[in-house]
Amino acid sequence: MTAAVHVVLGSHAVTDIRSAHAHYAALDGGLGSAFVEALDLAIQRLSIFPQGAPPVDGFPGLRRARMQRFPYGLFYRLSEDGTAVIVRVLHTAQDGATEL
């Protein structure tokens, strides 16, 4: 069995997560927690299957893993040491080309 890769959050990803969490928590406090749980699951999947998400067209080396239950994608790159670096966490309605 392959060891899970290390996952780190870039500064833009942290900002994206805080913003999304605040949005969902304002709608319903439980939704904020549910968003974080779904994010944690997506990060765990990414850690175990780093090549499992499809590449993003026009952005060499960038992949997008989708979250369950919430319309968000985790945009990440695999570094040379095998670390998965999440650069953005964007709503699927956002234009990735301008946000990345």
PDB file of N, CA and C in Angstrom:
ATOM      1  N   MET A   1       0.840  -1.178   0.000  1.00  0.00           N
ATOM      2  CA  MET A   1       0.000   0.000   0.000  1.00  0.00           C
ATOM      3  C   MET A   1       0.889   1.247   0.000  1.00  0.00           C
ATOM      4  N   THR A   2       0.503   2.233  -0.756  1.00  0.00           N
ATOM      5  CA  THR A   2       1.266   3.471  -0.852  1.00  0.00           C
ATOM      6  C   THR A   2       0.950   4.375   0.340  1.00  0.00           C
ATOM      7  N   ALA A   3       1.964   5.061   0.813  1.00  0.00           N
ATOM      8  CA  ALA A   3       1.763   6.006   1.918  1.00  0.00           C
ATOM      9  C   ALA A   3       1.024   7.237   1.413  1.00  0.00           C
ATOM     10  N   ALA A   4       0.223   7.813   2.271  1.00  0.00           N
ATOM     11  CA  ALA A   4      -0.503   9.027   1.922  1.00  0.00           C
ATOM     12  C   ALA A   4       0.484  10.171   1.747  1.00  0.00           C
ATOM     13  N   VAL A   5       0.173  11.068   0.817  1.00  0.00           N
ATOM     14  CA  VAL A   5       1.029  12.228   0.612  1.00  0.00           C
ATOM     15  C   VAL A   5       0.650  13.322   1.617  1.00  0.00           C
ATOM     16  N   HIS A   6       1.608  14.165   1.896  1.00  0.00           N
ATOM     17  CA  HIS A   6       1.397  15.307   2.783  1.00  0.00           C
ATOM     18  C   HIS A   6       0.643  16.374   1.996  1.00  0.00           C
ATOM     19  N   VAL A   7      -0.363  16.988   2.617  1.00  0.00           N
ATOM     20  CA  VAL A   7      -1.161  18.035   1.978  1.00  0.00           C
ATOM     21  C   VAL A   7      -0.972  19.327   2.759  1.00  0.00           C
ATOM     22  N   VAL A   8      -0.679  20.410   2.037  1.00  0.00           N
ATOM     23  CA  VAL A   8      -0.559  21.726   2.672  1.00  0.00           C
ATOM     24  C   VAL A   8      -1.504  22.704   1.977  1.00  0.00           C
ATOM     25  N   LEU A   9      -1.939  23.694   2.737  1.00  0.00           N
ATOM     26  CA  LEU A   9      -2.823  24.728   2.207  1.00  0.00           C
ATOM     27  C   LEU A   9      -2.025  25.991   1.930  1.00  0.00           C
ATOM     28  N   GLY A  10      -2.147  26.513   0.712  1.00  0.00           N
ATOM     29  CA  GLY A  10      -1.549  27.794   0.389  1.00  0.00           C
ATOM     30  C   GLY A  10      -2.368  28.920   1.007  1.00  0.00           C
ATOM     31  N   SER A  11      -1.801  30.103   1.057  1.00  0.00           N
ATOM     32  CA  SER A  11      -2.472  31.230   1.721  1.00  0.00           C
ATOM     33  C   SER A  11      -3.799  31.594   1.059  1.00  0.00           C
ATOM     34  N   HIS A  12      -3.874  31.521  -0.279  1.00  0.00           N
ATOM     35  CA  HIS A  12      -5.141  31.824  -0.961  1.00  0.00           C
ATOM     36  C   HIS A  12      -6.194  30.777  -0.617  1.00  0.00           C
ATOM     37  N   ALA A  13      -5.785  29.525  -0.505  1.00  0.00           N
ATOM     38  CA  ALA A  13      -6.719  28.455  -0.145  1.00  0.00           C
ATOM     39  C   ALA A  13      -7.279  28.686   1.258  1.00  0.00           C
ATOM     40  N   VAL A  14      -6.427  29.102   2.181  1.00  0.00           N
ATOM     41  CA  VAL A  14      -6.884  29.378   3.550  1.00  0.00           C
ATOM     42  C   VAL A  14      -7.926  30.494   3.537  1.00  0.00           C
ATOM     43  N   THR A  15      -7.670  31.545   2.773  1.00  0.00           N
ATOM     44  CA  THR A  15      -8.623  32.650   2.656  1.00  0.00           C
ATOM     45  C   THR A  15      -9.935  32.167   2.052  1.00  0.00           C
ATOM     46  N   ASP A  16      -9.850  31.344   1.001  1.00  0.00           N
ATOM     47  CA  ASP A  16     -11.051  30.795   0.364  1.00  0.00           C
ATOM     48  C   ASP A  16     -11.879  29.986   1.355  1.00  0.00           C
ATOM     49  N   ILE A  17     -11.209  29.157   2.138  1.00  0.00           N
ATOM     50  CA  ILE A  17     -11.892  28.289   3.105  1.00  0.00           C
ATOM     51  C   ILE A  17     -12.574  29.126   4.182  1.00  0.00           C
ATOM     52  N   ARG A  18     -11.887  30.111   4.689  1.00  0.00           N
ATOM     53  CA  ARG A  18     -12.478  30.976   5.722  1.00  0.00           C
ATOM     54  C   ARG A  18     -13.723  31.685   5.191  1.00  0.00           C
ATOM     55  N   SER A  19     -13.638  32.165   3.963  1.00  0.00           N
ATOM     56  CA  SER A  19     -14.762  32.864   3.355  1.00  0.00           C
ATOM     57  C   SER A  19     -15.959  31.930   3.160  1.00  0.00           C
ATOM     58  N   ALA A  20     -15.712  30.743   2.628  1.00  0.00           N
ATOM     59  CA  ALA A  20     -16.796  29.781   2.402  1.00  0.00           C
ATOM     60  C   ALA A  20     -17.411  29.341   3.730  1.00  0.00           C
ATOM     61  N   HIS A  21     -16.566  29.078   4.719  1.00  0.00           N
ATOM     62  CA  HIS A  21     -17.071  28.670   6.032  1.00  0.00           C
ATOM     63  C   HIS A  21     -17.955  29.764   6.625  1.00  0.00           C
ATOM     64  N   ALA A  22     -17.512  31.005   6.557  1.00  0.00           N
ATOM     65  CA  ALA A  22     -18.293  32.123   7.096  1.00  0.00           C
ATOM     66  C   ALA A  22     -19.633  32.239   6.377  1.00  0.00           C
ATOM     67  N   HIS A  23     -19.620  32.065   5.058  1.00  0.00           N
ATOM     68  CA  HIS A  23     -20.855  32.135   4.268  1.00  0.00           C
ATOM     69  C   HIS A  23     -21.849  31.079   4.731  1.00  0.00           C
ATOM     70  N   TYR A  24     -21.400  29.830   4.813  1.00  0.00           N
ATOM     71  CA  TYR A  24     -22.303  28.748   5.197  1.00  0.00           C
ATOM     72  C   TYR A  24     -22.720  28.843   6.661  1.00  0.00           C
ATOM     73  N   ALA A  25     -21.827  29.267   7.527  1.00  0.00           N
ATOM     74  CA  ALA A  25     -22.175  29.424   8.944  1.00  0.00           C
ATOM     75  C   ALA A  25     -23.226  30.518   9.127  1.00  0.00           C
ATOM     76  N   ALA A  26     -23.165  31.570   8.298  1.00  0.00           N
ATOM     77  CA  ALA A  26     -24.151  32.647   8.381  1.00  0.00           C
ATOM     78  C   ALA A  26     -25.527  32.166   7.926  1.00  0.00           C
ATOM     79  N   LEU A  27     -25.554  31.242   6.969  1.00  0.00           N
ATOM     80  CA  LEU A  27     -26.832  30.694   6.508  1.00  0.00           C
ATOM     81  C   LEU A  27     -27.456  29.802   7.572  1.00  0.00           C
ATOM     82  N   ASP A  28     -26.613  28.977   8.164  1.00  0.00           N
ATOM     83  CA  ASP A  28     -27.044  28.024   9.199  1.00  0.00           C
ATOM     84  C   ASP A  28     -25.775  27.518   9.864  1.00  0.00           C
ATOM     85  N   GLY A  29     -25.665  27.707  11.156  1.00  0.00           N
ATOM     86  CA  GLY A  29     -24.445  27.333  11.874  1.00  0.00           C
ATOM     87  C   GLY A  29     -23.971  25.929  11.581  1.00  0.00           C
ATOM     88  N   GLY A  30     -24.899  24.990  11.424  1.00  0.00           N
ATOM     89  CA  GLY A  30     -24.533  23.612  11.128  1.00  0.00           C
ATOM     90  C   GLY A  30     -23.913  23.444   9.761  1.00  0.00           C
ATOM     91  N   LEU A  31     -24.270  24.323   8.825  1.00  0.00           N
ATOM     92  CA  LEU A  31     -23.695  24.225   7.478  1.00  0.00           C
ATOM     93  C   LEU A  31     -22.215  24.568   7.478  1.00  0.00           C
ATOM     94  N   GLY A  32     -21.811  25.489   8.322  1.00  0.00           N
ATOM     95  CA  GLY A  32     -20.388  25.822   8.417  1.00  0.00           C
ATOM     96  C   GLY A  32     -19.577  24.614   8.846  1.00  0.00           C
ATOM     97  N   SER A  33     -20.063  23.904   9.843  1.00  0.00           N
ATOM     98  CA  SER A  33     -19.384  22.686  10.307  1.00  0.00           C
ATOM     99  C   SER A  33     -19.419  21.599   9.246  1.00  0.00           C
ATOM    100  N   ALA A  34     -20.544  21.466   8.554  1.00  0.00           N
ATOM    101  CA  ALA A  34     -20.665  20.462   7.497  1.00  0.00           C
ATOM    102  C   ALA A  34     -19.689  20.758   6.358  1.00  0.00           C
ATOM    103  N   PHE A  35     -19.492  22.046   6.059  1.00  0.00           N
ATOM    104  CA  PHE A  35     -18.531  22.418   5.022  1.00  0.00           C
ATOM    105  C   PHE A  35     -17.130  21.963   5.413  1.00  0.00           C
ATOM    106  N   VAL A  36     -16.746  22.210   6.657  1.00  0.00           N
ATOM    107  CA  VAL A  36     -15.411  21.815   7.127  1.00  0.00           C
ATOM    108  C   VAL A  36     -15.257  20.296   7.089  1.00  0.00           C
ATOM    109  N   GLU A  37     -16.289  19.560   7.466  1.00  0.00           N
ATOM    110  CA  GLU A  37     -16.231  18.095   7.416  1.00  0.00           C
ATOM    111  C   GLU A  37     -16.054  17.603   5.978  1.00  0.00           C
ATOM    112  N   ALA A  38     -16.800  18.196   5.045  1.00  0.00           N
ATOM    113  CA  ALA A  38     -16.675  17.808   3.635  1.00  0.00           C
ATOM    114  C   ALA A  38     -15.288  18.154   3.103  1.00  0.00           C
ATOM    115  N   LEU A  39     -14.756  19.286   3.524  1.00  0.00           N
ATOM    116  CA  LEU A  39     -13.406  19.684   3.126  1.00  0.00           C
ATOM    117  C   LEU A  39     -12.382  18.688   3.660  1.00  0.00           C
ATOM    118  N   ASP A  40     -12.516  18.309   4.922  1.00  0.00           N
ATOM    119  CA  ASP A  40     -11.596  17.330   5.514  1.00  0.00           C
ATOM    120  C   ASP A  40     -11.617  16.013   4.743  1.00  0.00           C
ATOM    121  N   LEU A  41     -12.811  15.558   4.370  1.00  0.00           N
ATOM    122  CA  LEU A  41     -12.917  14.312   3.598  1.00  0.00           C
ATOM    123  C   LEU A  41     -12.246  14.442   2.234  1.00  0.00           C
ATOM    124  N   ALA A  42     -12.444  15.584   1.582  1.00  0.00           N
ATOM    125  CA  ALA A  42     -11.820  15.803   0.272  1.00  0.00           C
ATOM    126  C   ALA A  42     -10.298  15.807   0.399  1.00  0.00           C
ATOM    127  N   ILE A  43      -9.781  16.405   1.455  1.00  0.00           N
ATOM    128  CA  ILE A  43      -8.331  16.438   1.673  1.00  0.00           C
ATOM    129  C   ILE A  43      -7.807  15.035   1.965  1.00  0.00           C
ATOM    130  N   GLN A  44      -8.555  14.255   2.729  1.00  0.00           N
ATOM    131  CA  GLN A  44      -8.144  12.873   2.997  1.00  0.00           C
ATOM    132  C   GLN A  44      -8.081  12.059   1.702  1.00  0.00           C
ATOM    133  N   ARG A  45      -9.105  12.205   0.850  1.00  0.00           N
ATOM    134  CA  ARG A  45      -9.107  11.498  -0.444  1.00  0.00           C
ATOM    135  C   ARG A  45      -7.918  11.930  -1.292  1.00  0.00           C
ATOM    136  N   LEU A  46      -7.678  13.233  -1.333  1.00  0.00           N
ATOM    137  CA  LEU A  46      -6.558  13.764  -2.106  1.00  0.00           C
ATOM    138  C   LEU A  46      -5.241  13.186  -1.594  1.00  0.00           C
ATOM    139  N   SER A  47      -5.100  13.075  -0.289  1.00  0.00           N
ATOM    140  CA  SER A  47      -3.885  12.539   0.317  1.00  0.00           C
ATOM    141  C   SER A  47      -3.644  11.088  -0.085  1.00  0.00           C
ATOM    142  N   ILE A  48      -4.707  10.318  -0.165  1.00  0.00           N
ATOM    143  CA  ILE A  48      -4.588   8.894  -0.498  1.00  0.00           C
ATOM    144  C   ILE A  48      -4.475   8.674  -2.004  1.00  0.00           C
ATOM    145  N   PHE A  49      -5.192   9.478  -2.779  1.00  0.00           N
ATOM    146  CA  PHE A  49      -5.208   9.334  -4.241  1.00  0.00           C
ATOM    147  C   PHE A  49      -4.818  10.659  -4.910  1.00  0.00           C
ATOM    148  N   PRO A  50      -3.581  11.095  -4.778  1.00  0.00           N
ATOM    149  CA  PRO A  50      -3.196  12.413  -5.298  1.00  0.00           C
ATOM    150  C   PRO A  50      -3.318  12.548  -6.816  1.00  0.00           C
ATOM    151  N   GLN A  51      -3.247  11.447  -7.536  1.00  0.00           N
ATOM    152  CA  GLN A  51      -3.382  11.500  -8.999  1.00  0.00           C
ATOM    153  C   GLN A  51      -4.833  11.268  -9.431  1.00  0.00           C
ATOM    154  N   GLY A  52      -5.746  11.115  -8.469  1.00  0.00           N
ATOM    155  CA  GLY A  52      -7.124  10.745  -8.771  1.00  0.00           C
ATOM    156  C   GLY A  52      -7.978  11.848  -9.359  1.00  0.00           C
ATOM    157  N   ALA A  53      -7.633  13.083  -9.139  1.00  0.00           N
ATOM    158  CA  ALA A  53      -8.419  14.201  -9.661  1.00  0.00           C
ATOM    159  C   ALA A  53      -7.932  14.560 -11.060  1.00  0.00           C
ATOM    160  N   PRO A  54      -8.847  15.008 -11.915  1.00  0.00           N
ATOM    161  CA  PRO A  54      -8.447  15.338 -13.279  1.00  0.00           C
ATOM    162  C   PRO A  54      -7.607  16.614 -13.358  1.00  0.00           C
ATOM    163  N   PRO A  55      -6.727  16.671 -14.367  1.00  0.00           N
ATOM    164  CA  PRO A  55      -5.962  17.898 -14.606  1.00  0.00           C
ATOM    165  C   PRO A  55      -6.898  19.031 -15.042  1.00  0.00           C
ATOM    166  N   VAL A  56      -6.476  20.252 -14.803  1.00  0.00           N
ATOM    167  CA  VAL A  56      -7.235  21.434 -15.209  1.00  0.00           C
ATOM    168  C   VAL A  56      -6.677  21.909 -16.545  1.00  0.00           C
ATOM    169  N   ASP A  57      -7.528  21.967 -17.558  1.00  0.00           N
ATOM    170  CA  ASP A  57      -7.098  22.410 -18.886  1.00  0.00           C
ATOM    171  C   ASP A  57      -6.503  23.814 -18.831  1.00  0.00           C
ATOM    172  N   GLY A  58      -5.380  23.990 -19.488  1.00  0.00           N
ATOM    173  CA  GLY A  58      -4.743  25.292 -19.583  1.00  0.00           C
ATOM    174  C   GLY A  58      -3.848  25.658 -18.410  1.00  0.00           C
ATOM    175  N   PHE A  59      -3.767  24.780 -17.409  1.00  0.00           N
ATOM    176  CA  PHE A  59      -2.938  25.042 -16.233  1.00  0.00           C
ATOM    177  C   PHE A  59      -2.080  23.817 -15.959  1.00  0.00           C
ATOM    178  N   PRO A  60      -0.929  23.727 -16.611  1.00  0.00           N
ATOM    179  CA  PRO A  60      -0.075  22.544 -16.463  1.00  0.00           C
ATOM    180  C   PRO A  60       0.235  22.222 -14.998  1.00  0.00           C
ATOM    181  N   GLY A  61       0.062  20.956 -14.645  1.00  0.00           N
ATOM    182  CA  GLY A  61       0.377  20.489 -13.305  1.00  0.00           C
ATOM    183  C   GLY A  61      -0.711  20.718 -12.272  1.00  0.00           C
ATOM    184  N   LEU A  62      -1.765  21.436 -12.652  1.00  0.00           N
ATOM    185  CA  LEU A  62      -2.840  21.743 -11.710  1.00  0.00           C
ATOM    186  C   LEU A  62      -3.959  20.712 -11.843  1.00  0.00           C
ATOM    187  N   ARG A  63      -4.483  20.269 -10.721  1.00  0.00           N
ATOM    188  CA  ARG A  63      -5.591  19.311 -10.691  1.00  0.00           C
ATOM    189  C   ARG A  63      -6.722  19.893  -9.853  1.00  0.00           C
ATOM    190  N   ARG A  64      -7.944  19.367 -10.080  1.00  0.00           N
ATOM    191  CA  ARG A  64      -9.095  19.831  -9.298  1.00  0.00           C
ATOM    192  C   ARG A  64      -9.825  18.635  -8.706  1.00  0.00           C
ATOM    193  N   ALA A  65      -9.862  18.578  -7.390  1.00  0.00           N
ATOM    194  CA  ALA A  65     -10.627  17.562  -6.670  1.00  0.00           C
ATOM    195  C   ALA A  65     -11.928  18.207  -6.201  1.00  0.00           C
ATOM    196  N   ARG A  66     -13.019  17.515  -6.392  1.00  0.00           N
ATOM    197  CA  ARG A  66     -14.318  18.062  -5.983  1.00  0.00           C
ATOM    198  C   ARG A  66     -14.671  17.647  -4.561  1.00  0.00           C
ATOM    199  N   MET A  67     -15.404  18.534  -3.907  1.00  0.00           N
ATOM    200  CA  MET A  67     -15.925  18.225  -2.579  1.00  0.00           C
ATOM    201  C   MET A  67     -17.293  17.577  -2.731  1.00  0.00           C
ATOM    202  N   GLN A  68     -17.633  16.706  -1.804  1.00  0.00           N
ATOM    203  CA  GLN A  68     -18.973  16.135  -1.773  1.00  0.00           C
ATOM    204  C   GLN A  68     -19.889  17.083  -1.012  1.00  0.00           C
ATOM    205  N   ARG A  69     -21.132  17.133  -1.440  1.00  0.00           N
ATOM    206  CA  ARG A  69     -22.199  17.913  -0.812  1.00  0.00           C
ATOM    207  C   ARG A  69     -22.118  19.418  -1.052  1.00  0.00           C
ATOM    208  N   PHE A  70     -20.949  19.952  -1.297  1.00  0.00           N
ATOM    209  CA  PHE A  70     -20.785  21.385  -1.527  1.00  0.00           C
ATOM    210  C   PHE A  70     -20.161  21.598  -2.906  1.00  0.00           C
ATOM    211  N   PRO A  71     -20.604  22.635  -3.629  1.00  0.00           N
ATOM    212  CA  PRO A  71     -20.108  22.859  -4.993  1.00  0.00           C
ATOM    213  C   PRO A  71     -18.760  23.586  -5.025  1.00  0.00           C
ATOM    214  N   TYR A  72     -17.746  22.926  -4.485  1.00  0.00           N
ATOM    215  CA  TYR A  72     -16.408  23.509  -4.426  1.00  0.00           C
ATOM    216  C   TYR A  72     -15.384  22.542  -4.983  1.00  0.00           C
ATOM    217  N   GLY A  73     -14.324  23.116  -5.546  1.00  0.00           N
ATOM    218  CA  GLY A  73     -13.208  22.324  -6.022  1.00  0.00           C
ATOM    219  C   GLY A  73     -11.932  22.733  -5.316  1.00  0.00           C
ATOM    220  N   LEU A  74     -11.094  21.745  -5.033  1.00  0.00           N
ATOM    221  CA  LEU A  74      -9.776  21.986  -4.448  1.00  0.00           C
ATOM    222  C   LEU A  74      -8.768  21.953  -5.587  1.00  0.00           C
ATOM    223  N   PHE A  75      -8.169  23.075  -5.884  1.00  0.00           N
ATOM    224  CA  PHE A  75      -7.183  23.166  -6.957  1.00  0.00           C
ATOM    225  C   PHE A  75      -5.802  22.980  -6.335  1.00  0.00           C
ATOM    226  N   TYR A  76      -5.067  22.004  -6.835  1.00  0.00           N
ATOM    227  CA  TYR A  76      -3.787  21.673  -6.208  1.00  0.00           C
ATOM    228  C   TYR A  76      -2.743  21.235  -7.224  1.00  0.00           C
ATOM    229  N   ARG A  77      -1.504  21.313  -6.773  1.00  0.00           N
ATOM    230  CA  ARG A  77      -0.349  20.843  -7.544  1.00  0.00           C
ATOM    231  C   ARG A  77       0.425  19.858  -6.683  1.00  0.00           C
ATOM    232  N   LEU A  78       1.069  18.920  -7.340  1.00  0.00           N
ATOM    233  CA  LEU A  78       1.968  18.011  -6.639  1.00  0.00           C
ATOM    234  C   LEU A  78       3.380  18.544  -6.807  1.00  0.00           C
ATOM    235  N   SER A  79       4.042  18.813  -5.700  1.00  0.00           N
ATOM    236  CA  SER A  79       5.407  19.331  -5.761  1.00  0.00           C
ATOM    237  C   SER A  79       6.369  18.188  -6.061  1.00  0.00           C
ATOM    238  N   GLU A  80       7.610  18.539  -6.342  1.00  0.00           N
ATOM    239  CA  GLU A  80       8.615  17.528  -6.680  1.00  0.00           C
ATOM    240  C   GLU A  80       8.853  16.544  -5.547  1.00  0.00           C
ATOM    241  N   ASP A  81       8.646  16.981  -4.309  1.00  0.00           N
ATOM    242  CA  ASP A  81       8.833  16.060  -3.181  1.00  0.00           C
ATOM    243  C   ASP A  81       7.578  15.235  -2.887  1.00  0.00           C
ATOM    244  N   GLY A  82       6.540  15.403  -3.715  1.00  0.00           N
ATOM    245  CA  GLY A  82       5.321  14.614  -3.562  1.00  0.00           C
ATOM    246  C   GLY A  82       4.249  15.257  -2.712  1.00  0.00           C
ATOM    247  N   THR A  83       4.528  16.423  -2.155  1.00  0.00           N
ATOM    248  CA  THR A  83       3.533  17.131  -1.356  1.00  0.00           C
ATOM    249  C   THR A  83       2.435  17.675  -2.268  1.00  0.00           C
ATOM    250  N   ALA A  84       1.190  17.569  -1.824  1.00  0.00           N
ATOM    251  CA  ALA A  84       0.068  18.172  -2.545  1.00  0.00           C
ATOM    252  C   ALA A  84      -0.167  19.558  -1.948  1.00  0.00           C
ATOM    253  N   VAL A  85      -0.034  20.577  -2.784  1.00  0.00           N
ATOM    254  CA  VAL A  85      -0.208  21.958  -2.331  1.00  0.00           C
ATOM    255  C   VAL A  85      -1.535  22.470  -2.882  1.00  0.00           C
ATOM    256  N   ILE A  86      -2.492  22.704  -1.994  1.00  0.00           N
ATOM    257  CA  ILE A  86      -3.790  23.242  -2.409  1.00  0.00           C
ATOM    258  C   ILE A  86      -3.629  24.746  -2.556  1.00  0.00           C
ATOM    259  N   VAL A  87      -3.819  25.235  -3.789  1.00  0.00           N
ATOM    260  CA  VAL A  87      -3.597  26.656  -4.049  1.00  0.00           C
ATOM    261  C   VAL A  87      -4.878  27.481  -3.949  1.00  0.00           C
ATOM    262  N   ARG A  88      -6.025  26.873  -4.257  1.00  0.00           N
ATOM    263  CA  ARG A  88      -7.313  27.570  -4.155  1.00  0.00           C
ATOM    264  C   ARG A  88      -8.401  26.565  -3.808  1.00  0.00           C
ATOM    265  N   VAL A  89      -9.447  27.048  -3.168  1.00  0.00           N
ATOM    266  CA  VAL A  89     -10.666  26.274  -2.923  1.00  0.00           C
ATOM    267  C   VAL A  89     -11.796  27.160  -3.425  1.00  0.00           C
ATOM    268  N   LEU A  90     -12.308  26.830  -4.624  1.00  0.00           N
ATOM    269  CA  LEU A  90     -13.234  27.727  -5.311  1.00  0.00           C
ATOM    270  C   LEU A  90     -14.597  27.087  -5.540  1.00  0.00           C
ATOM    271  N   HIS A  91     -15.634  27.926  -5.457  1.00  0.00           N
ATOM    272  CA  HIS A  91     -16.988  27.511  -5.806  1.00  0.00           C
ATOM    273  C   HIS A  91     -16.996  27.182  -7.292  1.00  0.00           C
ATOM    274  N   THR A  92     -17.768  26.180  -7.672  1.00  0.00           N
ATOM    275  CA  THR A  92     -17.774  25.762  -9.079  1.00  0.00           C
ATOM    276  C   THR A  92     -18.331  26.837 -10.006  1.00  0.00           C
ATOM    277  N   ALA A  93     -19.069  27.810  -9.471  1.00  0.00           N
ATOM    278  CA  ALA A  93     -19.585  28.897 -10.303  1.00  0.00           C
ATOM    279  C   ALA A  93     -18.526  29.967 -10.572  1.00  0.00           C
ATOM    280  N   GLN A  94     -17.434  29.942  -9.813  1.00  0.00           N
ATOM    281  CA  GLN A  94     -16.370  30.924 -10.028  1.00  0.00           C
ATOM    282  C   GLN A  94     -15.574  30.556 -11.275  1.00  0.00           C
ATOM    283  N   ASP A  95     -15.085  31.552 -11.947  1.00  0.00           N
ATOM    284  CA  ASP A  95     -14.280  31.345 -13.150  1.00  0.00           C
ATOM    285  C   ASP A  95     -12.851  31.029 -12.735  1.00  0.00           C
ATOM    286  N   GLY A  96     -12.510  29.750 -12.793  1.00  0.00           N
ATOM    287  CA  GLY A  96     -11.179  29.318 -12.393  1.00  0.00           C
ATOM    288  C   GLY A  96     -10.071  30.013 -13.155  1.00  0.00           C
ATOM    289  N   ALA A  97     -10.308  30.320 -14.433  1.00  0.00           N
ATOM    290  CA  ALA A  97      -9.268  30.943 -15.254  1.00  0.00           C
ATOM    291  C   ALA A  97      -8.862  32.308 -14.700  1.00  0.00           C
ATOM    292  N   THR A  98      -9.802  33.046 -14.137  1.00  0.00           N
ATOM    293  CA  THR A  98      -9.454  34.362 -13.596  1.00  0.00           C
ATOM    294  C   THR A  98      -9.035  34.285 -12.134  1.00  0.00           C
ATOM    295  N   GLU A  99      -9.479  33.255 -11.423  1.00  0.00           N
ATOM    296  CA  GLU A  99      -9.173  33.127  -9.997  1.00  0.00           C
ATOM    297  C   GLU A  99      -7.841  32.439  -9.737  1.00  0.00           C
ATOM    298  N   LEU A 100      -7.364  31.658 -10.698  1.00  0.00           N
ATOM    299  CA  LEU A 100      -6.121  30.927 -10.493  1.00  0.00           C
ATOM    300  C   LEU A 100      -4.964  31.791 -10.928  1.00  0.00           C
TER     301      LEU A 100
END
